[in-house]
Amino acid sequence: MRKVDSKGRLFLGRCYAGRTVYVVEVGGGLVVTRDRDLAERARALGVKALLEVYYRLLDLVGEPAAEDIERAVEEAVWRDVSSTPRS
């Protein structure tokens, strides 16, 4: 998770320092890539391209377990209803 500062900047990490990246807003999310063709497809295809990227990520890291998804949803819901971190 990354936090956007008051000027709208997002820190991606040193591996992106000095590099050109393409940022495309798709379906309420952002696609950040160094691949210009992928950025163009994301812009042109919208949500379909976002799903393509998501599926490529799943191929790379594997599908999350049901327990991981449930925990992430539970934490997101908790964050929405409370400003106190859950222990």
C-alpha atoms as a PDB file:
ATOM      1  CA  MET A   1       0.000   0.000   0.000  1.00  0.00           C
ATOM      2  CA  ARG A   2       1.253   3.474  -0.838  1.00  0.00           C
ATOM      3  CA  LYS A   3      -0.009   6.841   0.332  1.00  0.00           C
ATOM      4  CA  VAL A   4      -0.472   9.793  -1.988  1.00  0.00           C
ATOM      5  CA  ASP A   5       0.908  13.050  -0.567  1.00  0.00           C
ATOM      6  CA  SER A   6      -0.952  16.366  -0.423  1.00  0.00           C
ATOM      7  CA  LYS A   7       0.316  17.292  -3.896  1.00  0.00           C
ATOM      8  CA  GLY A   8      -0.956  14.069  -5.456  1.00  0.00           C
ATOM      9  CA  ARG A   9       2.448  12.398  -5.655  1.00  0.00           C
ATOM     10  CA  LEU A  10       2.947   8.682  -5.140  1.00  0.00           C
ATOM     11  CA  PHE A  11       6.298   7.166  -4.146  1.00  0.00           C
ATOM     12  CA  LEU A  12       6.906   3.990  -6.153  1.00  0.00           C
ATOM     13  CA  GLY A  13      10.398   3.126  -4.963  1.00  0.00           C
ATOM     14  CA  ARG A  14      13.982   3.593  -6.045  1.00  0.00           C
ATOM     15  CA  CYS A  15      13.710   1.045  -8.847  1.00  0.00           C
ATOM     16  CA  TYR A  16      11.579   3.588 -10.742  1.00  0.00           C
ATOM     17  CA  ALA A  17      13.846   6.589 -10.023  1.00  0.00           C
ATOM     18  CA  GLY A  18      14.761   8.433 -13.211  1.00  0.00           C
ATOM     19  CA  ARG A  19      12.687   6.107 -15.385  1.00  0.00           C
ATOM     20  CA  THR A  20       9.714   6.910 -17.553  1.00  0.00           C
ATOM     21  CA  VAL A  21       6.501   5.211 -16.492  1.00  0.00           C
ATOM     22  CA  TYR A  22       3.042   5.326 -17.999  1.00  0.00           C
ATOM     23  CA  VAL A  23       0.077   5.863 -15.679  1.00  0.00           C
ATOM     24  CA  VAL A  24      -3.408   5.035 -16.927  1.00  0.00           C
ATOM     25  CA  GLU A  25      -6.612   5.410 -14.897  1.00  0.00           C
ATOM     26  CA  VAL A  26      -8.842   2.412 -15.534  1.00  0.00           C
ATOM     27  CA  GLY A  27     -12.002   1.431 -13.725  1.00  0.00           C
ATOM     28  CA  GLY A  28     -11.265   3.497 -10.623  1.00  0.00           C
ATOM     29  CA  GLY A  29      -7.709   2.186 -10.395  1.00  0.00           C
ATOM     30  CA  LEU A  30      -4.330   3.041 -11.791  1.00  0.00           C
ATOM     31  CA  VAL A  31      -2.126   0.980 -14.062  1.00  0.00           C
ATOM     32  CA  VAL A  32       1.552   1.956 -13.737  1.00  0.00           C
ATOM     33  CA  THR A  33       3.859   0.343 -16.251  1.00  0.00           C
ATOM     34  CA  ARG A  34       7.107   0.932 -18.090  1.00  0.00           C
ATOM     35  CA  ASP A  35       5.593  -0.766 -21.145  1.00  0.00           C
ATOM     36  CA  ARG A  36       4.140   1.874 -23.476  1.00  0.00           C
ATOM     37  CA  ASP A  37       2.178  -0.682 -25.503  1.00  0.00           C
ATOM     38  CA  LEU A  38       0.538  -2.022 -22.358  1.00  0.00           C
ATOM     39  CA  ALA A  39      -0.379   1.522 -21.292  1.00  0.00           C
ATOM     40  CA  GLU A  40      -1.927   2.226 -24.698  1.00  0.00           C
ATOM     41  CA  ARG A  41      -3.938  -0.995 -24.557  1.00  0.00           C
ATOM     42  CA  ALA A  42      -5.076  -0.161 -21.017  1.00  0.00           C
ATOM     43  CA  ARG A  43      -6.246   3.271 -22.155  1.00  0.00           C
ATOM     44  CA  ALA A  44      -7.976   1.896 -25.233  1.00  0.00           C
ATOM     45  CA  LEU A  45      -9.585  -1.168 -23.699  1.00  0.00           C
ATOM     46  CA  GLY A  46     -10.286   0.134 -20.208  1.00  0.00           C
ATOM     47  CA  VAL A  47     -11.394  -2.535 -17.757  1.00  0.00           C
ATOM     48  CA  LYS A  48     -10.614  -5.393 -20.165  1.00  0.00           C
ATOM     49  CA  ALA A  49      -6.965  -4.314 -20.159  1.00  0.00           C
ATOM     50  CA  LEU A  50      -6.967  -4.036 -16.361  1.00  0.00           C
ATOM     51  CA  LEU A  51      -8.188  -7.610 -16.144  1.00  0.00           C
ATOM     52  CA  GLU A  52      -5.474  -8.678 -18.597  1.00  0.00           C
ATOM     53  CA  VAL A  53      -2.841  -7.156 -16.323  1.00  0.00           C
ATOM     54  CA  TYR A  54      -4.463  -8.772 -13.277  1.00  0.00           C
ATOM     55  CA  TYR A  55      -4.430 -12.202 -14.935  1.00  0.00           C
ATOM     56  CA  ARG A  56      -0.774 -11.775 -15.920  1.00  0.00           C
ATOM     57  CA  LEU A  57      -0.025 -10.938 -12.290  1.00  0.00           C
ATOM     58  CA  LEU A  58      -1.885 -14.062 -11.154  1.00  0.00           C
ATOM     59  CA  ASP A  59       0.181 -16.131 -13.574  1.00  0.00           C
ATOM     60  CA  LEU A  60       3.322 -14.645 -12.058  1.00  0.00           C
ATOM     61  CA  VAL A  61       2.539 -14.875  -8.331  1.00  0.00           C
ATOM     62  CA  GLY A  62      -0.283 -17.407  -8.210  1.00  0.00           C
ATOM     63  CA  GLU A  63      -3.885 -17.077  -7.161  1.00  0.00           C
ATOM     64  CA  PRO A  64      -4.536 -15.932  -3.590  1.00  0.00           C
ATOM     65  CA  ALA A  65      -6.021 -18.421  -1.151  1.00  0.00           C
ATOM     66  CA  ALA A  66      -9.628 -17.933  -0.066  1.00  0.00           C
ATOM     67  CA  GLU A  67      -8.408 -17.133   3.447  1.00  0.00           C
ATOM     68  CA  ASP A  68      -6.190 -14.325   2.123  1.00  0.00           C
ATOM     69  CA  ILE A  69      -9.109 -12.806   0.217  1.00  0.00           C
ATOM     70  CA  GLU A  70     -11.418 -13.042   3.239  1.00  0.00           C
ATOM     71  CA  ARG A  71      -8.798 -11.425   5.478  1.00  0.00           C
ATOM     72  CA  ALA A  72      -8.200  -8.592   2.980  1.00  0.00           C
ATOM     73  CA  VAL A  73     -11.941  -7.918   2.666  1.00  0.00           C
ATOM     74  CA  GLU A  74     -12.370  -8.010   6.431  1.00  0.00           C
ATOM     75  CA  GLU A  75      -9.490  -5.550   6.912  1.00  0.00           C
ATOM     76  CA  ALA A  76     -10.891  -3.216   4.236  1.00  0.00           C
ATOM     77  CA  VAL A  77     -14.315  -3.243   5.844  1.00  0.00           C
ATOM     78  CA  TRP A  78     -12.768  -2.637   9.255  1.00  0.00           C
ATOM     79  CA  ARG A  79     -10.778   0.334   7.911  1.00  0.00           C
ATOM     80  CA  ASP A  80     -13.981   1.810   6.484  1.00  0.00           C
ATOM     81  CA  VAL A  81     -15.836   1.679   9.816  1.00  0.00           C
ATOM     82  CA  SER A  82     -13.043   2.451  12.260  1.00  0.00           C
ATOM     83  CA  SER A  83     -10.070   4.748  12.426  1.00  0.00           C
ATOM     84  CA  THR A  84      -8.480   2.477  15.034  1.00  0.00           C
ATOM     85  CA  PRO A  85      -6.291  -0.320  13.654  1.00  0.00           C
ATOM     86  CA  ARG A  86      -7.529  -3.788  14.445  1.00  0.00           C
ATOM     87  CA  SER A  87      -5.128  -5.924  16.478  1.00  0.00           C
END
